[in-house]
Amino acid sequence: MRRWKSRVLLLILTLASLAQSSTPLLNPEVRRLGNKLRCQCGCEASVTECNMINCHSADPLRAELLKMVEAGQSEASILAAMVERHGKIILRQPPTQGFFLLGWVMPFAAAAAGLAFLWWFLRRKSKPAAAAAETAPDLEIDDPELARYRERIEKDLAKLD
């Protein structure tokens, strides 16, 4: 009797979890369009990739995309309607015009600036040592106290041998 109850409970829980799963995306056009749109639930995934159960953003957007695709709307008109309704933040890739062009250019500009700084720094760091070695005068100082210290060093070194 106890096994029977546990099996019934397991069956009920399995059916309940299946009933709550997200709507599958069977239409390849909806999948492709969903990959271009960002889910608004905060997961930073695309509408297609969001796997949160009963997502308050992805599920309605998928259904809306399916309706638009079945109505025969073009990709450009669907994306324009989504941008009009949700703003440009819904796009996973920023547009390549106006202020959003900075989103495409700045990573490369920052990398180029970093490499230029590194080249300048290494060049500056290596020049003074080479220049100092070439232009350094011989330091022959005629100081009697210094000569006494040198003699002492020579005597100590001779004792070590």
Foldseek 3Di string as FASTA:
>chain_A
DVVVVVVVVVVVVVVVVVVQFADADPDVVLLVLQQFWAFPQPPRGGLNPDGDGPRPGSRVSSVVSVVCVVVPDDSVVSVVVCCVVPNQNGGNQHDCDDPSVCVVVVVVVVVVVVVVVVVVVVVVVPVVVVVCVVPPDDDDDPDPVVVVVVVVVVVVVVVVD
